[in-house]
Amino acid sequence: MTASGRLSLPPEYLRDQLADCPAWQALCAAADAIQARAKTHRDRLPPPANGHSYTAAELADYRPYAVIYTAPERGFRMDRAALGTYLDSGAVLLEIERDVPLEYSDDEAGANVDFENRLGAIFEELVARADTGDFLAVRSIELVEIVRGEEEFEQAGKGPFQLAVALCQWGPPR
C-alpha cells in the first residue's frame, strides 16, 4: 500500500529523511539512502519466521534498524488557519535499535556514549533537513526512552542491544 494522505505521509517523509542522513547510513553500514531506507520499517518489523516471536538470530540480522510510526497520542491534528485553510501538525515516533558493538562488549559506558553520539548526529541531521525537499518539517525531537542492553532482555534471547525511542513533532506549534 502506498502512503498518499495527510495521516499516512508524515511517517513516510521521516523514513526518507532518516535514510538521507549520513549518520544513519554510517550506523547501518549503508552505501546510500536506498540501502539505508531498507533498514527502516513502517509501523513494525516484518513478522518473525515462526509467526510468534523473533529469534536472537533474526533480530541480529535486522539490526541496526529503525521503526517509524504515527504517535498513538497527539499523532495528528488539523487547525483552521483561515477560511478553507487548515494547517496540519502531529508527532511521529522513531525507534532505533542496534546490537551493542563488539568493541564495547565489556564497556557499557563506552557503548552508551557511542550510541548517544550517533543518536545526536542523526537528530541534528534530521532537523537540518526539516525544511528541504519532501522531508518532514520536524520542529522538535524528544528522546523519550533509551534502553541499554539490560540483562533481562539478554536473558529473553534478544542478545545485547541498545534501543532509543524519539518523539518527532512536526508542523506549526500547537
N, C-alpha and C. Protein backbone atom coordinates (compact mmCIF):
# COMPACT_ATOMS: atom_id res chain seq x y z
N MET A 1 0.85 -1.17 0.00
CA MET A 1 0.00 0.00 0.00
C MET A 1 0.90 1.24 0.00
N THR A 2 0.53 2.22 -0.78
CA THR A 2 1.30 3.45 -0.89
C THR A 2 0.67 4.54 -0.03
N ALA A 3 1.51 5.22 0.73
CA ALA A 3 1.04 6.34 1.55
C ALA A 3 0.67 7.49 0.61
N SER A 4 -0.49 8.11 0.88
CA SER A 4 -0.92 9.19 -0.02
C SER A 4 -1.68 10.31 0.67
N GLY A 5 -1.96 10.21 1.93
CA GLY A 5 -2.79 11.22 2.57
C GLY A 5 -2.13 11.91 3.75
N ARG A 6 -2.87 12.84 4.33
CA ARG A 6 -2.36 13.66 5.42
C ARG A 6 -1.89 12.84 6.61
N LEU A 7 -2.53 11.73 6.88
CA LEU A 7 -2.14 10.89 8.02
C LEU A 7 -1.01 9.93 7.69
N SER A 8 -0.99 9.41 6.49
CA SER A 8 -0.02 8.37 6.15
C SER A 8 1.32 8.91 5.65
N LEU A 9 1.34 10.14 5.15
CA LEU A 9 2.59 10.65 4.58
C LEU A 9 3.66 11.06 5.59
N PRO A 10 3.33 11.67 6.73
CA PRO A 10 4.41 12.08 7.65
C PRO A 10 5.39 10.97 8.03
N PRO A 11 4.95 9.75 8.40
CA PRO A 11 5.96 8.72 8.68
C PRO A 11 6.81 8.37 7.46
N GLU A 12 6.22 8.41 6.27
CA GLU A 12 6.99 8.12 5.06
C GLU A 12 8.03 9.20 4.80
N TYR A 13 7.64 10.45 5.02
CA TYR A 13 8.61 11.55 4.86
C TYR A 13 9.77 11.38 5.83
N LEU A 14 9.46 10.99 7.07
CA LEU A 14 10.54 10.80 8.04
C LEU A 14 11.42 9.61 7.66
N ARG A 15 10.86 8.57 7.09
CA ARG A 15 11.67 7.43 6.62
C ARG A 15 12.68 7.90 5.57
N ASP A 16 12.20 8.69 4.61
CA ASP A 16 13.10 9.21 3.57
C ASP A 16 14.14 10.14 4.17
N GLN A 17 13.72 10.95 5.11
CA GLN A 17 14.61 11.91 5.76
C GLN A 17 15.71 11.17 6.52
N LEU A 18 15.34 10.15 7.28
CA LEU A 18 16.32 9.36 8.02
C LEU A 18 17.29 8.68 7.07
N ALA A 19 16.75 8.08 6.01
CA ALA A 19 17.61 7.39 5.04
C ALA A 19 18.62 8.33 4.39
N ASP A 20 18.27 9.60 4.28
CA ASP A 20 19.16 10.59 3.66
C ASP A 20 20.26 11.06 4.60
N CYS A 21 20.18 10.73 5.88
CA CYS A 21 21.16 11.20 6.87
C CYS A 21 22.44 10.35 6.82
N PRO A 22 23.59 10.98 6.58
CA PRO A 22 24.85 10.24 6.60
C PRO A 22 25.11 9.51 7.92
N ALA A 23 24.67 10.07 9.04
CA ALA A 23 24.90 9.41 10.34
C ALA A 23 24.11 8.10 10.42
N TRP A 24 22.88 8.07 9.88
CA TRP A 24 22.10 6.82 9.86
C TRP A 24 22.74 5.84 8.88
N GLN A 25 23.16 6.33 7.72
CA GLN A 25 23.81 5.46 6.74
C GLN A 25 25.05 4.82 7.35
N ALA A 26 25.82 5.59 8.11
CA ALA A 26 27.03 5.04 8.75
C ALA A 26 26.66 4.00 9.80
N LEU A 27 25.62 4.27 10.60
CA LEU A 27 25.23 3.32 11.64
C LEU A 27 24.79 1.99 11.04
N CYS A 28 24.09 2.03 9.92
CA CYS A 28 23.61 0.77 9.33
C CYS A 28 24.49 0.30 8.17
N ALA A 29 25.68 0.87 8.04
CA ALA A 29 26.66 0.45 7.03
C ALA A 29 26.05 0.42 5.63
N ALA A 30 25.26 1.45 5.32
CA ALA A 30 24.63 1.56 4.01
C ALA A 30 25.49 2.42 3.09
N ALA A 31 25.54 2.03 1.83
CA ALA A 31 26.32 2.78 0.85
C ALA A 31 25.60 4.05 0.41
N ASP A 32 24.26 4.06 0.54
CA ASP A 32 23.49 5.21 0.08
C ASP A 32 22.11 5.23 0.76
N ALA A 33 21.31 6.22 0.40
CA ALA A 33 19.99 6.38 1.00
C ALA A 33 19.06 5.22 0.67
N ILE A 34 19.20 4.62 -0.46
CA ILE A 34 18.34 3.48 -0.84
C ILE A 34 18.60 2.31 0.11
N GLN A 35 19.87 1.99 0.33
CA GLN A 35 20.20 0.90 1.27
C GLN A 35 19.79 1.27 2.69
N ALA A 36 19.97 2.53 3.07
CA ALA A 36 19.61 2.96 4.42
C ALA A 36 18.10 2.90 4.63
N ARG A 37 17.32 3.21 3.60
CA ARG A 37 15.86 3.14 3.74
C ARG A 37 15.40 1.70 3.93
N ALA A 38 16.13 0.76 3.37
CA ALA A 38 15.78 -0.66 3.57
C ALA A 38 15.94 -1.08 5.03
N LYS A 39 16.67 -0.31 5.81
CA LYS A 39 16.85 -0.60 7.24
C LYS A 39 15.82 0.15 8.10
N THR A 40 14.87 0.82 7.45
CA THR A 40 13.78 1.48 8.17
C THR A 40 12.49 0.74 7.86
N HIS A 41 11.62 0.69 8.83
CA HIS A 41 10.37 -0.06 8.67
C HIS A 41 9.21 0.80 9.13
N ARG A 42 8.11 0.65 8.44
CA ARG A 42 6.89 1.38 8.79
C ARG A 42 6.08 0.56 9.78
N ASP A 43 5.82 1.11 10.93
CA ASP A 43 4.97 0.55 11.98
C ASP A 43 5.58 -0.61 12.76
N ARG A 44 6.26 -1.53 12.10
CA ARG A 44 6.87 -2.67 12.83
C ARG A 44 7.82 -3.40 11.88
N LEU A 45 8.61 -4.28 12.48
CA LEU A 45 9.46 -5.16 11.66
C LEU A 45 8.57 -6.15 10.91
N PRO A 46 9.08 -6.75 9.84
CA PRO A 46 8.34 -7.84 9.22
C PRO A 46 8.09 -8.94 10.25
N PRO A 47 7.05 -9.74 10.07
CA PRO A 47 6.74 -10.77 11.07
C PRO A 47 7.89 -11.78 11.23
N PRO A 48 8.03 -12.33 12.44
CA PRO A 48 9.07 -13.35 12.66
C PRO A 48 8.76 -14.61 11.86
N ALA A 49 9.78 -15.38 11.57
CA ALA A 49 9.62 -16.59 10.75
C ALA A 49 8.62 -17.57 11.34
N ASN A 50 8.62 -17.70 12.67
CA ASN A 50 7.70 -18.66 13.30
C ASN A 50 6.31 -18.07 13.54
N GLY A 51 6.12 -16.79 13.19
CA GLY A 51 4.83 -16.16 13.34
C GLY A 51 4.52 -15.65 14.74
N HIS A 52 5.40 -15.93 15.72
CA HIS A 52 5.10 -15.56 17.10
C HIS A 52 6.12 -14.62 17.72
N SER A 53 7.39 -15.01 17.71
CA SER A 53 8.42 -14.18 18.34
C SER A 53 9.72 -14.32 17.56
N TYR A 54 10.51 -13.25 17.61
CA TYR A 54 11.78 -13.22 16.89
C TYR A 54 12.83 -14.02 17.64
N THR A 55 13.67 -14.69 16.89
CA THR A 55 14.84 -15.33 17.49
C THR A 55 15.94 -14.28 17.60
N ALA A 56 16.93 -14.56 18.43
CA ALA A 56 18.07 -13.65 18.54
C ALA A 56 18.75 -13.49 17.19
N ALA A 57 18.82 -14.57 16.41
CA ALA A 57 19.46 -14.51 15.09
C ALA A 57 18.67 -13.60 14.14
N GLU A 58 17.34 -13.69 14.18
CA GLU A 58 16.52 -12.82 13.32
C GLU A 58 16.74 -11.35 13.67
N LEU A 59 16.73 -11.06 14.96
CA LEU A 59 16.94 -9.67 15.38
C LEU A 59 18.33 -9.18 15.00
N ALA A 60 19.32 -10.04 15.15
CA ALA A 60 20.69 -9.67 14.78
C ALA A 60 20.77 -9.37 13.28
N ASP A 61 20.01 -10.12 12.47
CA ASP A 61 20.00 -9.86 11.02
C ASP A 61 19.37 -8.52 10.69
N TYR A 62 18.34 -8.12 11.44
CA TYR A 62 17.68 -6.83 11.19
C TYR A 62 18.51 -5.66 11.69
N ARG A 63 19.15 -5.81 12.84
CA ARG A 63 19.86 -4.70 13.45
C ARG A 63 21.06 -4.27 12.63
N PRO A 64 21.35 -2.96 12.65
CA PRO A 64 20.52 -1.91 13.23
C PRO A 64 19.31 -1.64 12.34
N TYR A 65 18.23 -1.18 12.97
CA TYR A 65 17.03 -0.86 12.20
C TYR A 65 16.30 0.29 12.89
N ALA A 66 15.40 0.87 12.11
CA ALA A 66 14.52 1.91 12.63
C ALA A 66 13.09 1.51 12.33
N VAL A 67 12.19 1.81 13.25
CA VAL A 67 10.76 1.63 13.05
C VAL A 67 10.13 3.01 13.26
N ILE A 68 9.30 3.42 12.31
CA ILE A 68 8.71 4.75 12.31
C ILE A 68 7.20 4.61 12.21
N TYR A 69 6.48 5.32 13.10
CA TYR A 69 5.01 5.23 13.08
C TYR A 69 4.40 6.47 13.72
N THR A 70 3.15 6.73 13.38
CA THR A 70 2.41 7.85 13.95
C THR A 70 2.25 7.63 15.45
N ALA A 71 2.53 8.66 16.23
CA ALA A 71 2.40 8.56 17.68
C ALA A 71 0.96 8.25 18.05
N PRO A 72 0.75 7.33 19.00
CA PRO A 72 -0.62 6.96 19.37
C PRO A 72 -1.41 8.08 20.04
N GLU A 73 -0.72 9.02 20.67
CA GLU A 73 -1.38 10.17 21.27
C GLU A 73 -0.88 11.44 20.58
N ARG A 74 -1.81 12.28 20.21
CA ARG A 74 -1.48 13.54 19.54
C ARG A 74 -0.69 13.33 18.26
N GLY A 75 -1.00 12.27 17.55
CA GLY A 75 -0.27 11.94 16.34
C GLY A 75 -0.62 12.79 15.14
N PHE A 76 -1.82 13.39 15.16
CA PHE A 76 -2.22 14.21 14.02
C PHE A 76 -3.26 15.23 14.47
N ARG A 77 -3.15 16.43 13.88
CA ARG A 77 -4.10 17.49 14.20
C ARG A 77 -4.22 18.42 12.99
N MET A 78 -5.45 18.87 12.72
CA MET A 78 -5.70 19.89 11.70
C MET A 78 -6.28 21.11 12.41
N ASP A 79 -5.64 22.27 12.23
CA ASP A 79 -6.13 23.51 12.82
C ASP A 79 -6.51 24.48 11.71
N ARG A 80 -7.67 25.08 11.89
CA ARG A 80 -8.13 26.05 10.90
C ARG A 80 -7.27 27.31 11.02
N ALA A 81 -6.70 27.74 9.90
CA ALA A 81 -5.86 28.93 9.87
C ALA A 81 -6.62 30.11 9.25
N ALA A 82 -7.48 29.82 8.30
CA ALA A 82 -8.28 30.84 7.61
C ALA A 82 -9.40 30.11 6.90
N LEU A 83 -10.30 30.84 6.34
CA LEU A 83 -11.43 30.25 5.63
C LEU A 83 -10.91 29.27 4.58
N GLY A 84 -11.25 27.99 4.74
CA GLY A 84 -10.84 26.96 3.79
C GLY A 84 -9.39 26.53 3.89
N THR A 85 -8.67 27.01 4.89
CA THR A 85 -7.25 26.67 5.03
C THR A 85 -7.01 26.02 6.39
N TYR A 86 -6.38 24.87 6.38
CA TYR A 86 -6.06 24.16 7.61
C TYR A 86 -4.57 23.84 7.63
N LEU A 87 -3.99 23.91 8.81
CA LEU A 87 -2.58 23.57 8.99
C LEU A 87 -2.50 22.24 9.73
N ASP A 88 -1.72 21.33 9.19
CA ASP A 88 -1.52 20.02 9.81
C ASP A 88 -0.32 20.06 10.75
N SER A 89 -0.41 19.29 11.81
CA SER A 89 0.72 19.08 12.71
C SER A 89 0.53 17.72 13.35
N GLY A 90 1.58 17.24 13.99
CA GLY A 90 1.46 15.95 14.64
C GLY A 90 2.78 15.47 15.20
N ALA A 91 2.83 14.16 15.44
CA ALA A 91 4.02 13.56 16.02
C ALA A 91 4.21 12.16 15.46
N VAL A 92 5.45 11.83 15.22
CA VAL A 92 5.84 10.51 14.72
C VAL A 92 6.88 9.95 15.70
N LEU A 93 6.75 8.68 16.02
CA LEU A 93 7.75 8.02 16.87
C LEU A 93 8.79 7.34 16.00
N LEU A 94 10.03 7.48 16.41
CA LEU A 94 11.17 6.88 15.73
C LEU A 94 11.88 5.99 16.73
N GLU A 95 11.91 4.70 16.45
CA GLU A 95 12.65 3.75 17.29
C GLU A 95 13.90 3.32 16.52
N ILE A 96 15.04 3.39 17.16
CA ILE A 96 16.30 2.94 16.57
C ILE A 96 16.88 1.88 17.50
N GLU A 97 17.17 0.72 16.93
CA GLU A 97 17.73 -0.37 17.73
C GLU A 97 18.99 -0.89 17.04
N ARG A 98 19.99 -1.17 17.84
CA ARG A 98 21.23 -1.74 17.31
C ARG A 98 21.79 -2.76 18.28
N ASP A 99 22.62 -3.67 17.75
CA ASP A 99 23.39 -4.56 18.61
C ASP A 99 24.45 -3.73 19.31
N VAL A 100 24.83 -4.12 20.50
CA VAL A 100 25.98 -3.49 21.15
C VAL A 100 27.21 -3.89 20.34
N PRO A 101 27.99 -2.91 19.84
CA PRO A 101 29.17 -3.25 19.05
C PRO A 101 30.16 -4.10 19.84
N LEU A 102 30.80 -5.03 19.15
CA LEU A 102 31.75 -5.95 19.79
C LEU A 102 32.85 -5.22 20.56
N GLU A 103 33.30 -4.07 20.02
CA GLU A 103 34.38 -3.35 20.71
C GLU A 103 33.93 -2.79 22.06
N TYR A 104 32.62 -2.78 22.31
CA TYR A 104 32.09 -2.30 23.59
C TYR A 104 31.45 -3.41 24.42
N SER A 105 31.69 -4.65 24.06
CA SER A 105 31.03 -5.76 24.77
C SER A 105 31.36 -5.78 26.26
N ASP A 106 32.51 -5.28 26.66
CA ASP A 106 32.88 -5.23 28.08
C ASP A 106 32.97 -3.80 28.59
N ASP A 107 32.36 -2.86 27.85
CA ASP A 107 32.45 -1.44 28.22
C ASP A 107 31.08 -0.79 28.02
N GLU A 108 30.18 -1.01 28.99
CA GLU A 108 28.81 -0.48 28.86
C GLU A 108 28.80 1.04 28.73
N ALA A 109 29.63 1.72 29.52
CA ALA A 109 29.67 3.18 29.45
C ALA A 109 30.12 3.64 28.07
N GLY A 110 31.14 2.99 27.51
CA GLY A 110 31.60 3.34 26.17
C GLY A 110 30.53 3.10 25.11
N ALA A 111 29.81 1.97 25.24
CA ALA A 111 28.71 1.67 24.30
C ALA A 111 27.63 2.73 24.39
N ASN A 112 27.32 3.15 25.61
CA ASN A 112 26.28 4.17 25.79
C ASN A 112 26.69 5.50 25.18
N VAL A 113 27.93 5.92 25.42
CA VAL A 113 28.40 7.19 24.86
C VAL A 113 28.42 7.11 23.34
N ASP A 114 28.88 5.99 22.78
CA ASP A 114 28.90 5.83 21.32
C ASP A 114 27.48 5.92 20.75
N PHE A 115 26.52 5.24 21.38
CA PHE A 115 25.13 5.26 20.92
C PHE A 115 24.55 6.68 21.01
N GLU A 116 24.79 7.34 22.13
CA GLU A 116 24.29 8.71 22.30
C GLU A 116 24.91 9.66 21.28
N ASN A 117 26.21 9.50 20.99
CA ASN A 117 26.86 10.32 19.97
C ASN A 117 26.21 10.11 18.61
N ARG A 118 25.96 8.86 18.28
CA ARG A 118 25.34 8.54 16.98
C ARG A 118 23.91 9.08 16.91
N LEU A 119 23.16 8.91 17.99
CA LEU A 119 21.79 9.44 18.02
C LEU A 119 21.79 10.96 17.86
N GLY A 120 22.68 11.62 18.58
CA GLY A 120 22.78 13.08 18.46
C GLY A 120 23.06 13.53 17.05
N ALA A 121 23.96 12.84 16.36
CA ALA A 121 24.28 13.19 14.97
C ALA A 121 23.06 12.96 14.07
N ILE A 122 22.36 11.86 14.29
CA ILE A 122 21.16 11.57 13.49
C ILE A 122 20.11 12.66 13.73
N PHE A 123 19.87 13.03 14.98
CA PHE A 123 18.87 14.05 15.29
C PHE A 123 19.25 15.39 14.64
N GLU A 124 20.53 15.76 14.71
CA GLU A 124 20.98 17.00 14.08
C GLU A 124 20.73 16.98 12.58
N GLU A 125 21.01 15.85 11.95
CA GLU A 125 20.81 15.75 10.50
C GLU A 125 19.33 15.73 10.14
N LEU A 126 18.49 15.15 10.98
CA LEU A 126 17.04 15.17 10.72
C LEU A 126 16.51 16.60 10.73
N VAL A 127 16.88 17.39 11.73
CA VAL A 127 16.36 18.76 11.79
C VAL A 127 16.98 19.64 10.70
N ALA A 128 18.21 19.35 10.30
CA ALA A 128 18.83 20.13 9.23
C ALA A 128 18.09 19.94 7.90
N ARG A 129 17.42 18.80 7.74
CA ARG A 129 16.68 18.51 6.51
C ARG A 129 15.20 18.88 6.62
N ALA A 130 14.79 19.44 7.75
CA ALA A 130 13.37 19.65 8.03
C ALA A 130 12.67 20.58 7.05
N ASP A 131 13.35 21.49 6.45
CA ASP A 131 12.72 22.45 5.55
C ASP A 131 13.19 22.27 4.12
N THR A 132 13.56 21.05 3.77
CA THR A 132 14.06 20.80 2.41
C THR A 132 13.31 19.64 1.77
N GLY A 133 13.14 19.71 0.47
CA GLY A 133 12.57 18.60 -0.30
C GLY A 133 11.26 18.07 0.25
N ASP A 134 11.05 16.79 0.06
CA ASP A 134 9.85 16.11 0.55
C ASP A 134 10.11 15.48 1.91
N PHE A 135 10.74 16.23 2.79
CA PHE A 135 11.02 15.73 4.12
C PHE A 135 10.03 16.32 5.12
N LEU A 136 9.98 15.72 6.28
CA LEU A 136 9.05 16.15 7.33
C LEU A 136 9.55 17.42 8.01
N ALA A 137 8.66 18.37 8.21
CA ALA A 137 9.01 19.64 8.87
C ALA A 137 9.11 19.42 10.38
N VAL A 138 10.16 18.72 10.79
CA VAL A 138 10.36 18.41 12.21
C VAL A 138 10.65 19.70 12.96
N ARG A 139 9.87 19.95 14.02
CA ARG A 139 10.10 21.16 14.82
C ARG A 139 10.74 20.83 16.16
N SER A 140 10.65 19.56 16.60
CA SER A 140 11.33 19.17 17.83
C SER A 140 11.52 17.66 17.84
N ILE A 141 12.58 17.25 18.52
CA ILE A 141 12.84 15.83 18.74
C ILE A 141 13.08 15.65 20.24
N GLU A 142 12.34 14.73 20.82
CA GLU A 142 12.47 14.45 22.24
C GLU A 142 12.82 12.97 22.43
N LEU A 143 13.93 12.70 23.07
CA LEU A 143 14.29 11.33 23.39
C LEU A 143 13.43 10.90 24.57
N VAL A 144 12.50 9.98 24.33
CA VAL A 144 11.55 9.61 25.38
C VAL A 144 11.93 8.33 26.09
N GLU A 145 12.80 7.53 25.47
CA GLU A 145 13.23 6.29 26.12
C GLU A 145 14.55 5.85 25.52
N ILE A 146 15.39 5.32 26.39
CA ILE A 146 16.63 4.69 25.91
C ILE A 146 16.86 3.44 26.77
N VAL A 147 17.04 2.33 26.10
CA VAL A 147 17.28 1.04 26.77
C VAL A 147 18.69 0.64 26.42
N ARG A 148 19.43 0.26 27.44
CA ARG A 148 20.85 -0.01 27.24
C ARG A 148 21.19 -1.45 27.56
N GLY A 149 20.82 -2.36 26.67
CA GLY A 149 21.22 -3.76 26.76
C GLY A 149 21.05 -4.37 28.12
N GLU A 150 19.91 -4.18 28.73
CA GLU A 150 19.69 -4.66 30.09
C GLU A 150 19.66 -6.18 30.13
N GLU A 151 20.07 -6.70 31.27
CA GLU A 151 20.23 -8.14 31.45
C GLU A 151 18.97 -8.93 31.13
N GLU A 152 17.79 -8.44 31.54
CA GLU A 152 16.57 -9.21 31.30
C GLU A 152 16.29 -9.40 29.82
N PHE A 153 16.70 -8.43 28.98
CA PHE A 153 16.49 -8.58 27.55
C PHE A 153 17.45 -9.62 26.98
N GLU A 154 18.68 -9.61 27.46
CA GLU A 154 19.64 -10.60 27.02
C GLU A 154 19.17 -12.00 27.41
N GLN A 155 18.62 -12.14 28.60
CA GLN A 155 18.13 -13.44 29.06
C GLN A 155 16.91 -13.89 28.27
N ALA A 156 16.14 -12.94 27.73
CA ALA A 156 14.96 -13.28 26.93
C ALA A 156 15.35 -13.68 25.51
N GLY A 157 16.64 -13.73 25.22
CA GLY A 157 17.10 -14.19 23.92
C GLY A 157 17.25 -13.11 22.87
N LYS A 158 17.15 -11.84 23.27
CA LYS A 158 17.28 -10.76 22.30
C LYS A 158 18.73 -10.41 22.01
N GLY A 159 19.65 -10.86 22.84
CA GLY A 159 21.05 -10.50 22.65
C GLY A 159 21.30 -9.09 23.16
N PRO A 160 22.57 -8.72 23.38
CA PRO A 160 22.88 -7.38 23.87
C PRO A 160 22.56 -6.33 22.79
N PHE A 161 21.72 -5.37 23.15
CA PHE A 161 21.29 -4.37 22.19
C PHE A 161 21.06 -3.04 22.89
N GLN A 162 20.87 -2.01 22.08
CA GLN A 162 20.50 -0.69 22.58
C GLN A 162 19.33 -0.20 21.75
N LEU A 163 18.38 0.45 22.41
CA LEU A 163 17.17 0.94 21.76
C LEU A 163 16.91 2.36 22.22
N ALA A 164 16.57 3.22 21.27
CA ALA A 164 16.17 4.59 21.58
C ALA A 164 14.82 4.85 20.93
N VAL A 165 13.96 5.56 21.63
CA VAL A 165 12.67 5.98 21.10
C VAL A 165 12.62 7.50 21.16
N ALA A 166 12.39 8.13 20.01
CA ALA A 166 12.33 9.58 19.94
C ALA A 166 10.97 10.02 19.40
N LEU A 167 10.42 11.05 20.00
CA LEU A 167 9.18 11.66 19.56
C LEU A 167 9.56 12.84 18.67
N CYS A 168 9.16 12.76 17.41
CA CYS A 168 9.47 13.82 16.44
C CYS A 168 8.19 14.60 16.16
N GLN A 169 8.10 15.82 16.66
CA GLN A 169 6.93 16.64 16.41
C GLN A 169 7.16 17.46 15.15
N TRP A 170 6.09 17.61 14.37
CA TRP A 170 6.21 18.28 13.09
C TRP A 170 5.06 19.27 12.91
N GLY A 171 5.24 20.18 11.97
CA GLY A 171 4.23 21.18 11.68
C GLY A 171 4.33 22.37 12.61
N PRO A 172 3.37 23.32 12.47
CA PRO A 172 3.42 24.51 13.34
C PRO A 172 3.14 24.13 14.80
N PRO A 173 3.65 24.93 15.74
CA PRO A 173 3.39 24.65 17.16
C PRO A 173 1.91 24.63 17.45
N ARG A 174 1.51 23.80 18.40
CA ARG A 174 0.10 23.69 18.77
C ARG A 174 -0.28 24.76 19.76
